Every structure is written in C-alpha cells, then in structure tokens.
Amino acid sequence: MFVVEITSFVRMPSDELKKVHREFLKKMLEQGKLKLAGRMIDNTGSFLVWNTGDIEEAKSLASSDPYFANGLTTFVMKGWEIFWNGFMNPPVMPEK
C-alpha cells in the first residue's frame, strides 16, 4: 500500500472540480484501488491510501486525480505497511 499526503493547494478547486475529484475517488474505491481518503480537520491537507502492487501504479493513480492532474495540489507518496488494523473485526495484530 502507498500513502499519499496532499501537502498544499497551489490554488483552491472550483465546486465543479471538487465534484469531479470526489467522483474519481469513489470510482477508485469501488475498484479496490483506494482504501481510505480524508482531509485534515485544520484544512492543511489530506491523506489517500492506495492499494497497489508497486509505487509506479500508485503514482499513476494519484496523478490521475483531477486535483493533481489540474495542478491544484502537491503531494508526497510513501510506501506503507499495515502493522495494526483496528478497522477490522477482530483487529489485525502483528505476528509475534
């Protein structure tokens, strides 16, 4: 998995672009490529968690996001390995 941190907005998106962005994220979620997405409460950015096999696919997907494709945001991407998962029932815990 890969985590994308949206670090800043170069300019704010229009209402129409916000709609297109949300539709893109919904489509990626339905395809199983996106696992989590959300914004920081203080509006300083957001995080997206991509479920891909390699960083090149994750970069391609992130770059296809209308916010990135239209130059509205910058982002940082890092590989991420789930160690604890409290969203699952029962929670996923690491092996000893």
N, C-alpha and C. Protein backbone atom coordinates (compact mmCIF):
# COMPACT_ATOMS: atom_id res chain seq x y z
N MET A 1 0.85 -1.17 0.00
CA MET A 1 0.00 0.00 0.00
C MET A 1 0.89 1.23 0.00
N PHE A 2 0.30 2.31 -0.50
CA PHE A 2 1.04 3.56 -0.57
C PHE A 2 0.17 4.69 -0.04
N VAL A 3 0.77 5.55 0.76
CA VAL A 3 0.07 6.69 1.34
C VAL A 3 0.46 7.95 0.57
N VAL A 4 -0.54 8.71 0.17
CA VAL A 4 -0.31 9.99 -0.47
C VAL A 4 -0.75 11.06 0.51
N GLU A 5 0.16 11.96 0.80
CA GLU A 5 -0.18 13.12 1.61
C GLU A 5 -0.26 14.33 0.69
N ILE A 6 -1.44 14.92 0.64
CA ILE A 6 -1.60 16.17 -0.10
C ILE A 6 -1.06 17.25 0.82
N THR A 7 0.01 17.89 0.39
CA THR A 7 0.72 18.79 1.28
C THR A 7 0.33 20.25 1.15
N SER A 8 -0.20 20.64 0.00
CA SER A 8 -0.61 22.04 -0.14
C SER A 8 -1.49 22.20 -1.38
N PHE A 9 -2.28 23.25 -1.36
CA PHE A 9 -3.06 23.63 -2.53
C PHE A 9 -2.37 24.82 -3.18
N VAL A 10 -2.06 24.68 -4.47
CA VAL A 10 -1.50 25.78 -5.23
C VAL A 10 -2.58 26.82 -5.44
N ARG A 11 -3.78 26.35 -5.72
CA ARG A 11 -4.97 27.20 -5.77
C ARG A 11 -6.16 26.34 -5.37
N MET A 12 -7.20 26.96 -4.91
CA MET A 12 -8.37 26.23 -4.44
C MET A 12 -9.19 25.73 -5.62
N PRO A 13 -9.76 24.52 -5.49
CA PRO A 13 -10.57 23.96 -6.57
C PRO A 13 -11.95 24.60 -6.65
N SER A 14 -12.48 24.63 -7.86
CA SER A 14 -13.85 25.10 -8.06
C SER A 14 -14.81 24.04 -7.52
N ASP A 15 -16.06 24.40 -7.34
CA ASP A 15 -17.06 23.43 -6.90
C ASP A 15 -17.18 22.29 -7.89
N GLU A 16 -17.09 22.59 -9.18
CA GLU A 16 -17.18 21.55 -10.22
C GLU A 16 -16.00 20.59 -10.12
N LEU A 17 -14.81 21.12 -9.90
CA LEU A 17 -13.63 20.24 -9.79
C LEU A 17 -13.69 19.40 -8.51
N LYS A 18 -14.24 19.96 -7.43
CA LYS A 18 -14.43 19.17 -6.21
C LYS A 18 -15.33 17.97 -6.49
N LYS A 19 -16.39 18.20 -7.26
CA LYS A 19 -17.32 17.13 -7.62
C LYS A 19 -16.61 16.05 -8.45
N VAL A 20 -15.84 16.47 -9.44
CA VAL A 20 -15.12 15.52 -10.30
C VAL A 20 -14.09 14.74 -9.47
N HIS A 21 -13.41 15.42 -8.55
CA HIS A 21 -12.44 14.78 -7.65
C HIS A 21 -13.12 13.70 -6.82
N ARG A 22 -14.27 14.02 -6.22
CA ARG A 22 -14.99 13.04 -5.40
C ARG A 22 -15.47 11.86 -6.24
N GLU A 23 -15.92 12.11 -7.45
CA GLU A 23 -16.34 11.02 -8.35
C GLU A 23 -15.17 10.11 -8.68
N PHE A 24 -14.00 10.70 -8.92
CA PHE A 24 -12.80 9.91 -9.20
C PHE A 24 -12.46 9.02 -8.00
N LEU A 25 -12.47 9.61 -6.79
CA LEU A 25 -12.15 8.83 -5.60
C LEU A 25 -13.16 7.71 -5.38
N LYS A 26 -14.44 7.98 -5.61
CA LYS A 26 -15.47 6.95 -5.47
C LYS A 26 -15.22 5.81 -6.45
N LYS A 27 -14.88 6.13 -7.68
CA LYS A 27 -14.59 5.11 -8.68
C LYS A 27 -13.39 4.25 -8.26
N MET A 28 -12.35 4.89 -7.76
CA MET A 28 -11.16 4.16 -7.32
C MET A 28 -11.47 3.28 -6.10
N LEU A 29 -12.33 3.76 -5.21
CA LEU A 29 -12.76 2.97 -4.06
C LEU A 29 -13.53 1.74 -4.52
N GLU A 30 -14.45 1.92 -5.46
CA GLU A 30 -15.24 0.81 -5.99
C GLU A 30 -14.37 -0.23 -6.69
N GLN A 31 -13.28 0.20 -7.31
CA GLN A 31 -12.36 -0.71 -7.99
C GLN A 31 -11.37 -1.37 -7.03
N GLY A 32 -11.40 -0.96 -5.76
CA GLY A 32 -10.49 -1.54 -4.77
C GLY A 32 -9.10 -0.94 -4.78
N LYS A 33 -8.89 0.10 -5.57
CA LYS A 33 -7.57 0.74 -5.63
C LYS A 33 -7.35 1.72 -4.48
N LEU A 34 -8.40 2.38 -4.04
CA LEU A 34 -8.34 3.33 -2.94
C LEU A 34 -8.95 2.69 -1.71
N LYS A 35 -8.24 2.77 -0.58
CA LYS A 35 -8.75 2.16 0.65
C LYS A 35 -9.27 3.19 1.64
N LEU A 36 -8.61 4.33 1.74
CA LEU A 36 -9.02 5.39 2.67
C LEU A 36 -8.72 6.74 2.05
N ALA A 37 -9.54 7.71 2.37
CA ALA A 37 -9.28 9.08 1.94
C ALA A 37 -9.92 10.02 2.94
N GLY A 38 -9.24 11.11 3.24
CA GLY A 38 -9.83 12.08 4.15
C GLY A 38 -8.96 13.32 4.27
N ARG A 39 -9.58 14.40 4.71
CA ARG A 39 -8.85 15.66 4.84
C ARG A 39 -8.50 15.92 6.30
N MET A 40 -7.49 16.73 6.49
CA MET A 40 -7.11 17.14 7.83
C MET A 40 -8.16 18.11 8.36
N ILE A 41 -8.49 18.01 9.61
CA ILE A 41 -9.52 18.85 10.22
C ILE A 41 -9.16 20.33 10.11
N ASP A 42 -7.86 20.64 10.17
CA ASP A 42 -7.44 22.04 10.09
C ASP A 42 -7.25 22.53 8.65
N ASN A 43 -7.69 21.72 7.68
CA ASN A 43 -7.61 22.06 6.25
C ASN A 43 -6.19 22.29 5.74
N THR A 44 -5.22 21.61 6.33
CA THR A 44 -3.83 21.75 5.89
C THR A 44 -3.44 20.69 4.87
N GLY A 45 -4.35 19.83 4.49
CA GLY A 45 -4.04 18.78 3.52
C GLY A 45 -4.95 17.59 3.71
N SER A 46 -4.54 16.46 3.15
CA SER A 46 -5.33 15.24 3.29
C SER A 46 -4.45 14.03 3.04
N PHE A 47 -5.01 12.84 3.29
CA PHE A 47 -4.31 11.58 3.04
C PHE A 47 -5.16 10.67 2.18
N LEU A 48 -4.52 9.96 1.28
CA LEU A 48 -5.15 8.92 0.47
C LEU A 48 -4.32 7.66 0.65
N VAL A 49 -4.96 6.52 0.83
CA VAL A 49 -4.25 5.24 0.95
C VAL A 49 -4.62 4.41 -0.27
N TRP A 50 -3.60 4.15 -1.12
CA TRP A 50 -3.78 3.40 -2.35
C TRP A 50 -3.37 1.96 -2.16
N ASN A 51 -4.16 1.04 -2.66
CA ASN A 51 -3.89 -0.39 -2.59
C ASN A 51 -3.38 -0.85 -3.95
N THR A 52 -2.07 -0.76 -4.15
CA THR A 52 -1.47 -1.14 -5.42
C THR A 52 -0.25 -2.01 -5.16
N GLY A 53 0.19 -2.68 -6.21
CA GLY A 53 1.33 -3.57 -6.07
C GLY A 53 2.67 -2.88 -6.11
N ASP A 54 2.73 -1.71 -6.72
CA ASP A 54 4.02 -1.02 -6.80
C ASP A 54 3.83 0.49 -6.83
N ILE A 55 4.90 1.20 -6.56
CA ILE A 55 4.82 2.65 -6.45
C ILE A 55 4.51 3.32 -7.78
N GLU A 56 4.91 2.74 -8.88
CA GLU A 56 4.62 3.35 -10.18
C GLU A 56 3.11 3.38 -10.45
N GLU A 57 2.41 2.29 -10.12
CA GLU A 57 0.95 2.28 -10.28
C GLU A 57 0.31 3.29 -9.34
N ALA A 58 0.80 3.35 -8.10
CA ALA A 58 0.25 4.30 -7.13
C ALA A 58 0.47 5.74 -7.61
N LYS A 59 1.65 6.04 -8.15
CA LYS A 59 1.92 7.39 -8.67
C LYS A 59 1.01 7.70 -9.86
N SER A 60 0.79 6.71 -10.71
CA SER A 60 -0.08 6.91 -11.87
C SER A 60 -1.51 7.21 -11.43
N LEU A 61 -2.00 6.45 -10.47
CA LEU A 61 -3.36 6.68 -9.96
C LEU A 61 -3.47 8.05 -9.30
N ALA A 62 -2.51 8.37 -8.45
CA ALA A 62 -2.54 9.66 -7.76
C ALA A 62 -2.47 10.81 -8.77
N SER A 63 -1.65 10.65 -9.78
CA SER A 63 -1.51 11.70 -10.80
C SER A 63 -2.76 11.84 -11.65
N SER A 64 -3.59 10.80 -11.70
CA SER A 64 -4.85 10.85 -12.45
C SER A 64 -5.95 11.59 -11.70
N ASP A 65 -5.77 11.78 -10.39
CA ASP A 65 -6.74 12.52 -9.59
C ASP A 65 -6.89 13.92 -10.20
N PRO A 66 -8.10 14.38 -10.43
CA PRO A 66 -8.30 15.70 -11.03
C PRO A 66 -7.59 16.85 -10.31
N TYR A 67 -7.43 16.77 -9.00
CA TYR A 67 -6.69 17.82 -8.29
C TYR A 67 -5.24 17.86 -8.74
N PHE A 68 -4.61 16.68 -8.84
CA PHE A 68 -3.21 16.63 -9.25
C PHE A 68 -3.08 16.90 -10.74
N ALA A 69 -3.96 16.30 -11.53
CA ALA A 69 -3.90 16.44 -12.99
C ALA A 69 -4.07 17.90 -13.44
N ASN A 70 -4.79 18.68 -12.64
CA ASN A 70 -5.02 20.08 -12.97
C ASN A 70 -4.07 21.03 -12.23
N GLY A 71 -3.05 20.47 -11.58
CA GLY A 71 -2.04 21.28 -10.94
C GLY A 71 -2.49 22.04 -9.71
N LEU A 72 -3.54 21.59 -9.04
CA LEU A 72 -4.04 22.29 -7.87
C LEU A 72 -3.27 21.96 -6.60
N THR A 73 -2.69 20.76 -6.54
CA THR A 73 -2.06 20.32 -5.31
C THR A 73 -0.68 19.73 -5.56
N THR A 74 0.07 19.65 -4.49
CA THR A 74 1.33 18.91 -4.49
C THR A 74 1.13 17.74 -3.53
N PHE A 75 1.93 16.69 -3.71
CA PHE A 75 1.79 15.56 -2.80
C PHE A 75 3.11 14.85 -2.58
N VAL A 76 3.15 14.11 -1.49
CA VAL A 76 4.27 13.26 -1.13
C VAL A 76 3.72 11.84 -1.06
N MET A 77 4.44 10.87 -1.63
CA MET A 77 3.99 9.48 -1.60
C MET A 77 5.04 8.61 -0.91
N LYS A 78 4.55 7.71 -0.06
CA LYS A 78 5.44 6.77 0.64
C LYS A 78 4.78 5.41 0.68
N GLY A 79 5.60 4.36 0.65
CA GLY A 79 5.09 3.01 0.85
C GLY A 79 4.63 2.86 2.29
N TRP A 80 3.62 2.03 2.49
CA TRP A 80 3.05 1.88 3.83
C TRP A 80 2.66 0.44 4.04
N GLU A 81 3.04 -0.11 5.19
CA GLU A 81 2.70 -1.47 5.55
C GLU A 81 1.82 -1.43 6.80
N ILE A 82 0.67 -2.06 6.72
CA ILE A 82 -0.23 -2.08 7.88
C ILE A 82 0.36 -3.00 8.94
N PHE A 83 0.47 -2.48 10.14
CA PHE A 83 1.00 -3.24 11.26
C PHE A 83 -0.12 -3.60 12.23
N TRP A 84 -0.95 -2.63 12.54
CA TRP A 84 -2.14 -2.82 13.38
C TRP A 84 -3.33 -2.32 12.59
N ASN A 85 -4.46 -3.00 12.67
CA ASN A 85 -5.64 -2.54 11.95
C ASN A 85 -6.87 -2.69 12.83
N GLY A 86 -7.27 -1.60 13.45
CA GLY A 86 -8.44 -1.60 14.31
C GLY A 86 -9.75 -1.44 13.55
N PHE A 87 -9.68 -1.24 12.22
CA PHE A 87 -10.89 -1.15 11.41
C PHE A 87 -11.51 -2.52 11.19
N MET A 88 -10.71 -3.56 11.33
CA MET A 88 -11.18 -4.94 11.11
C MET A 88 -11.79 -5.46 12.41
N ASN A 89 -12.70 -6.40 12.28
CA ASN A 89 -13.28 -7.01 13.45
C ASN A 89 -13.12 -8.52 13.33
N PRO A 90 -12.27 -9.18 14.08
CA PRO A 90 -11.40 -8.62 15.11
C PRO A 90 -10.24 -7.85 14.50
N PRO A 91 -9.58 -6.98 15.29
CA PRO A 91 -8.46 -6.20 14.77
C PRO A 91 -7.33 -7.10 14.28
N VAL A 92 -6.64 -6.66 13.25
CA VAL A 92 -5.47 -7.37 12.74
C VAL A 92 -4.29 -6.96 13.60
N MET A 93 -3.62 -7.96 14.16
CA MET A 93 -2.47 -7.73 15.02
C MET A 93 -1.25 -8.38 14.40
N PRO A 94 -0.07 -7.85 14.66
CA PRO A 94 1.15 -8.44 14.10
C PRO A 94 1.44 -9.80 14.71
N GLU A 95 2.09 -10.65 13.92
CA GLU A 95 2.54 -11.94 14.44
C GLU A 95 3.70 -11.68 15.39
N LYS A 96 3.87 -12.59 16.35
CA LYS A 96 5.00 -12.44 17.29
C LYS A 96 6.30 -12.72 16.64
